[in-house]
Amino acid sequence: PVATDLNNLAGLHQAQGDYAAARPLYERALAIYEQALGADHPDTAQSLNNLAILCYYEERFAEAAEMMRRALAIWQAILGPNHPNTQTAQQSLAAIEQQALLQNVTQLLQQFKQDDNEESQSSQQPTTESTSALLENLAQLFQQSKQDDESSGKKRK
């Protein structure tokens, strides 16, 4: 139960907003579960889920998505697609991916604004390079999101 205790203590730190204290505890618990029970055990999946949620709160969306995908794969294989853990992991993964996309778009828009301001200061003529780059990057992000949705069986409305 050392790993369980570590997970519980990490959850307490996370609930208090002390993510820096929670992270190493979740990571250690995960390492113990993987070593003792294997990479495909439901307790390992739960530990991955816990760490993924922490990463979500830390706005580390790529890392959160990777861990949630691993947890989801374990639960799908062991518990099936209709089990509550599997369903919750699917919903969590969708929320994580949505926030990752939003974060990427926000960063692109901020970069565009900065580039546009720099171009405006250096010349009075508006240029289309930044606009083209921004639109291309947005198109790539949305295309990737669409591919991710299709590969996971979801459809955009």
C-alpha atoms as a PDB file:
ATOM      1  CA  PRO A   1       0.000   0.000   0.000  1.00  0.00           C
ATOM      2  CA  VAL A   2       2.956   2.399  -0.171  1.00  0.00           C
ATOM      3  CA  ALA A   3       1.933   3.423  -3.683  1.00  0.00           C
ATOM      4  CA  THR A   4      -1.664   3.920  -2.525  1.00  0.00           C
ATOM      5  CA  ASP A   5      -0.455   6.090   0.358  1.00  0.00           C
ATOM      6  CA  LEU A   6       1.706   8.115  -2.043  1.00  0.00           C
ATOM      7  CA  ASN A   7      -1.271   8.598  -4.369  1.00  0.00           C
ATOM      8  CA  ASN A   8      -3.480   9.673  -1.473  1.00  0.00           C
ATOM      9  CA  LEU A   9      -0.901  12.124  -0.150  1.00  0.00           C
ATOM     10  CA  ALA A  10      -0.366  13.492  -3.660  1.00  0.00           C
ATOM     11  CA  GLY A  11      -4.130  13.934  -4.005  1.00  0.00           C
ATOM     12  CA  LEU A  12      -4.189  15.919  -0.779  1.00  0.00           C
ATOM     13  CA  HIS A  13      -1.418  18.211  -2.029  1.00  0.00           C
ATOM     14  CA  GLN A  14      -3.213  18.578  -5.351  1.00  0.00           C
ATOM     15  CA  ALA A  15      -6.494  19.466  -3.630  1.00  0.00           C
ATOM     16  CA  GLN A  16      -4.627  22.175  -1.713  1.00  0.00           C
ATOM     17  CA  GLY A  17      -3.192  23.533  -4.958  1.00  0.00           C
ATOM     18  CA  ASP A  18       0.364  22.441  -4.149  1.00  0.00           C
ATOM     19  CA  TYR A  19       1.074  20.820  -7.502  1.00  0.00           C
ATOM     20  CA  ALA A  20       4.848  20.888  -7.028  1.00  0.00           C
ATOM     21  CA  ALA A  21       4.528  18.714  -3.934  1.00  0.00           C
ATOM     22  CA  ALA A  22       2.000  16.385  -5.577  1.00  0.00           C
ATOM     23  CA  ARG A  23       3.985  15.647  -8.739  1.00  0.00           C
ATOM     24  CA  PRO A  24       6.904  13.624  -7.287  1.00  0.00           C
ATOM     25  CA  LEU A  25       4.506  11.616  -5.129  1.00  0.00           C
ATOM     26  CA  TYR A  26       2.321  10.701  -8.105  1.00  0.00           C
ATOM     27  CA  GLU A  27       5.410   9.883 -10.168  1.00  0.00           C
ATOM     28  CA  ARG A  28       6.829   7.630  -7.437  1.00  0.00           C
ATOM     29  CA  ALA A  29       3.480   5.862  -7.020  1.00  0.00           C
ATOM     30  CA  LEU A  30       3.325   5.268 -10.766  1.00  0.00           C
ATOM     31  CA  ALA A  31       6.843   3.834 -10.797  1.00  0.00           C
ATOM     32  CA  ILE A  32       5.958   1.478  -7.932  1.00  0.00           C
ATOM     33  CA  TYR A  33       2.756   0.296  -9.632  1.00  0.00           C
ATOM     34  CA  GLU A  34       4.521  -0.265 -12.958  1.00  0.00           C
ATOM     35  CA  GLN A  35       7.317  -2.231 -11.314  1.00  0.00           C
ATOM     36  CA  ALA A  36       5.140  -4.256  -8.929  1.00  0.00           C
ATOM     37  CA  LEU A  37       2.014  -4.828 -11.020  1.00  0.00           C
ATOM     38  CA  GLY A  38       3.076  -4.157 -14.591  1.00  0.00           C
ATOM     39  CA  ALA A  39       2.361  -1.470 -17.151  1.00  0.00           C
ATOM     40  CA  ASP A  40      -1.098  -2.847 -18.000  1.00  0.00           C
ATOM     41  CA  HIS A  41      -2.631  -3.178 -14.524  1.00  0.00           C
ATOM     42  CA  PRO A  42      -5.763  -1.205 -13.542  1.00  0.00           C
ATOM     43  CA  ASP A  43      -3.927   0.341 -10.563  1.00  0.00           C
ATOM     44  CA  THR A  44      -1.242   1.554 -12.962  1.00  0.00           C
ATOM     45  CA  ALA A  45      -4.011   3.060 -15.106  1.00  0.00           C
ATOM     46  CA  GLN A  46      -5.454   4.842 -12.074  1.00  0.00           C
ATOM     47  CA  SER A  47      -2.029   6.223 -11.213  1.00  0.00           C
ATOM     48  CA  LEU A  48      -1.586   7.417 -14.810  1.00  0.00           C
ATOM     49  CA  ASN A  49      -5.026   9.013 -14.611  1.00  0.00           C
ATOM     50  CA  ASN A  50      -4.108  10.837 -11.399  1.00  0.00           C
ATOM     51  CA  LEU A  51      -0.882  12.168 -12.876  1.00  0.00           C
ATOM     52  CA  ALA A  52      -2.689  13.174 -16.082  1.00  0.00           C
ATOM     53  CA  ILE A  53      -5.209  15.206 -14.101  1.00  0.00           C
ATOM     54  CA  LEU A  54      -2.374  16.926 -12.232  1.00  0.00           C
ATOM     55  CA  CYS A  55      -0.709  17.765 -15.561  1.00  0.00           C
ATOM     56  CA  TYR A  56      -4.030  19.175 -16.753  1.00  0.00           C
ATOM     57  CA  TYR A  57      -4.175  21.500 -13.756  1.00  0.00           C
ATOM     58  CA  GLU A  58      -0.564  22.492 -14.433  1.00  0.00           C
ATOM     59  CA  GLU A  59      -1.557  23.245 -18.056  1.00  0.00           C
ATOM     60  CA  ARG A  60       0.879  20.619 -19.323  1.00  0.00           C
ATOM     61  CA  PHE A  61      -1.668  19.352 -21.798  1.00  0.00           C
ATOM     62  CA  ALA A  62       0.574  17.278 -24.088  1.00  0.00           C
ATOM     63  CA  GLU A  63       1.898  15.325 -21.123  1.00  0.00           C
ATOM     64  CA  ALA A  64      -1.605  14.993 -19.668  1.00  0.00           C
ATOM     65  CA  ALA A  65      -2.969  13.646 -22.952  1.00  0.00           C
ATOM     66  CA  GLU A  66      -0.172  11.085 -23.266  1.00  0.00           C
ATOM     67  CA  MET A  67      -0.810   9.716 -19.784  1.00  0.00           C
ATOM     68  CA  MET A  68      -4.578   9.736 -20.173  1.00  0.00           C
ATOM     69  CA  ARG A  69      -4.251   7.825 -23.465  1.00  0.00           C
ATOM     70  CA  ARG A  70      -2.199   5.166 -21.669  1.00  0.00           C
ATOM     71  CA  ALA A  71      -4.752   4.901 -18.853  1.00  0.00           C
ATOM     72  CA  LEU A  72      -7.597   4.739 -21.362  1.00  0.00           C
ATOM     73  CA  ALA A  73      -5.896   1.965 -23.339  1.00  0.00           C
ATOM     74  CA  ILE A  74      -5.416  -0.114 -20.192  1.00  0.00           C
ATOM     75  CA  TRP A  75      -9.009   0.343 -19.052  1.00  0.00           C
ATOM     76  CA  GLN A  76     -10.403  -0.379 -22.531  1.00  0.00           C
ATOM     77  CA  ALA A  77      -8.388  -3.593 -22.754  1.00  0.00           C
ATOM     78  CA  ILE A  78      -9.210  -4.828 -19.262  1.00  0.00           C
ATOM     79  CA  LEU A  79     -12.595  -3.336 -18.414  1.00  0.00           C
ATOM     80  CA  GLY A  80     -14.103  -2.787 -21.853  1.00  0.00           C
ATOM     81  CA  PRO A  81     -15.446   0.324 -23.555  1.00  0.00           C
ATOM     82  CA  ASN A  82     -18.604   0.653 -21.452  1.00  0.00           C
ATOM     83  CA  HIS A  83     -17.017   0.587 -18.009  1.00  0.00           C
ATOM     84  CA  PRO A  84     -17.312   3.860 -16.042  1.00  0.00           C
ATOM     85  CA  ASN A  85     -13.506   4.195 -15.744  1.00  0.00           C
ATOM     86  CA  THR A  86     -13.140   3.845 -19.508  1.00  0.00           C
ATOM     87  CA  GLN A  87     -15.956   6.302 -20.184  1.00  0.00           C
ATOM     88  CA  THR A  88     -14.548   8.852 -17.726  1.00  0.00           C
ATOM     89  CA  ALA A  89     -11.065   8.529 -19.218  1.00  0.00           C
ATOM     90  CA  GLN A  90     -12.490   9.141 -22.704  1.00  0.00           C
ATOM     91  CA  GLN A  91     -14.250  12.276 -21.498  1.00  0.00           C
ATOM     92  CA  SER A  92     -11.142  13.458 -19.657  1.00  0.00           C
ATOM     93  CA  LEU A  93      -8.996  12.904 -22.732  1.00  0.00           C
ATOM     94  CA  ALA A  94     -11.426  14.926 -24.854  1.00  0.00           C
ATOM     95  CA  ALA A  95     -11.294  17.793 -22.334  1.00  0.00           C
ATOM     96  CA  ILE A  96      -7.495  17.664 -22.232  1.00  0.00           C
ATOM     97  CA  GLU A  97      -7.226  17.697 -26.016  1.00  0.00           C
ATOM     98  CA  GLN A  98      -9.671  20.591 -26.240  1.00  0.00           C
ATOM     99  CA  GLN A  99      -7.617  22.626 -23.769  1.00  0.00           C
ATOM    100  CA  ALA A 100      -4.404  21.747 -25.615  1.00  0.00           C
ATOM    101  CA  LEU A 101      -5.910  23.025 -28.848  1.00  0.00           C
ATOM    102  CA  LEU A 102      -7.126  26.182 -27.149  1.00  0.00           C
ATOM    103  CA  GLN A 103      -3.692  26.737 -25.613  1.00  0.00           C
ATOM    104  CA  ASN A 104      -2.015  26.320 -29.020  1.00  0.00           C
ATOM    105  CA  VAL A 105      -4.429  28.699 -30.719  1.00  0.00           C
ATOM    106  CA  THR A 106      -3.949  31.258 -27.942  1.00  0.00           C
ATOM    107  CA  GLN A 107      -0.174  31.039 -28.282  1.00  0.00           C
ATOM    108  CA  LEU A 108      -0.422  31.447 -32.043  1.00  0.00           C
ATOM    109  CA  LEU A 109      -2.674  34.466 -31.680  1.00  0.00           C
ATOM    110  CA  GLN A 110      -0.298  36.033 -29.149  1.00  0.00           C
ATOM    111  CA  GLN A 111       2.621  35.418 -31.501  1.00  0.00           C
ATOM    112  CA  PHE A 112       0.645  36.900 -34.366  1.00  0.00           C
ATOM    113  CA  LYS A 113      -0.156  39.986 -32.317  1.00  0.00           C
ATOM    114  CA  GLN A 114       3.496  40.398 -31.340  1.00  0.00           C
ATOM    115  CA  ASP A 115       4.692  39.891 -34.917  1.00  0.00           C
ATOM    116  CA  ASP A 116       2.058  42.277 -36.216  1.00  0.00           C
ATOM    117  CA  ASN A 117       3.088  44.941 -33.696  1.00  0.00           C
ATOM    118  CA  GLU A 118       6.744  44.551 -34.682  1.00  0.00           C
ATOM    119  CA  GLU A 119       5.869  44.799 -38.377  1.00  0.00           C
ATOM    120  CA  SER A 120       3.712  47.853 -37.760  1.00  0.00           C
ATOM    121  CA  GLN A 121       6.555  49.573 -35.956  1.00  0.00           C
ATOM    122  CA  SER A 122       9.108  48.765 -38.641  1.00  0.00           C
ATOM    123  CA  SER A 123       6.934  49.845 -41.561  1.00  0.00           C
ATOM    124  CA  GLN A 124       3.638  51.522 -42.058  1.00  0.00           C
ATOM    125  CA  GLN A 125       2.641  48.981 -44.722  1.00  0.00           C
ATOM    126  CA  PRO A 126       0.655  45.997 -43.448  1.00  0.00           C
ATOM    127  CA  THR A 127       2.093  42.651 -44.507  1.00  0.00           C
ATOM    128  CA  THR A 128       0.358  39.376 -45.027  1.00  0.00           C
ATOM    129  CA  GLU A 129       3.216  37.079 -43.985  1.00  0.00           C
ATOM    130  CA  SER A 130       2.137  36.878 -40.343  1.00  0.00           C
ATOM    131  CA  THR A 131      -1.488  36.467 -41.277  1.00  0.00           C
ATOM    132  CA  SER A 132      -0.659  33.664 -43.711  1.00  0.00           C
ATOM    133  CA  ALA A 133       1.549  31.896 -41.184  1.00  0.00           C
ATOM    134  CA  LEU A 134      -1.104  32.193 -38.498  1.00  0.00           C
ATOM    135  CA  LEU A 135      -3.835  30.815 -40.740  1.00  0.00           C
ATOM    136  CA  GLU A 136      -1.612  27.961 -41.886  1.00  0.00           C
ATOM    137  CA  ASN A 137      -0.755  27.038 -38.291  1.00  0.00           C
ATOM    138  CA  LEU A 138      -4.403  27.208 -37.252  1.00  0.00           C
ATOM    139  CA  ALA A 139      -5.385  25.026 -40.182  1.00  0.00           C
ATOM    140  CA  GLN A 140      -2.765  22.468 -39.162  1.00  0.00           C
ATOM    141  CA  LEU A 141      -4.005  22.473 -35.578  1.00  0.00           C
ATOM    142  CA  PHE A 142      -7.613  21.983 -36.586  1.00  0.00           C
ATOM    143  CA  GLN A 143      -6.650  19.288 -39.104  1.00  0.00           C
ATOM    144  CA  GLN A 144      -4.716  17.452 -36.382  1.00  0.00           C
ATOM    145  CA  SER A 145      -7.682  17.790 -34.041  1.00  0.00           C
ATOM    146  CA  LYS A 146      -9.986  16.374 -36.716  1.00  0.00           C
ATOM    147  CA  GLN A 147      -7.620  13.441 -37.314  1.00  0.00           C
ATOM    148  CA  ASP A 148      -7.418  12.774 -33.577  1.00  0.00           C
ATOM    149  CA  ASP A 149     -11.219  12.810 -33.347  1.00  0.00           C
ATOM    150  CA  GLU A 150     -11.562  10.424 -36.290  1.00  0.00           C
ATOM    151  CA  SER A 151      -8.951   8.039 -34.902  1.00  0.00           C
ATOM    152  CA  SER A 152     -10.750   7.910 -31.551  1.00  0.00           C
ATOM    153  CA  GLY A 153     -14.161   7.463 -33.174  1.00  0.00           C
ATOM    154  CA  LYS A 154     -15.505  10.930 -32.361  1.00  0.00           C
ATOM    155  CA  LYS A 155     -17.103  13.268 -34.846  1.00  0.00           C
ATOM    156  CA  ARG A 156     -17.080  17.048 -34.787  1.00  0.00           C
ATOM    157  CA  LYS A 157     -20.365  18.883 -34.982  1.00  0.00           C
END
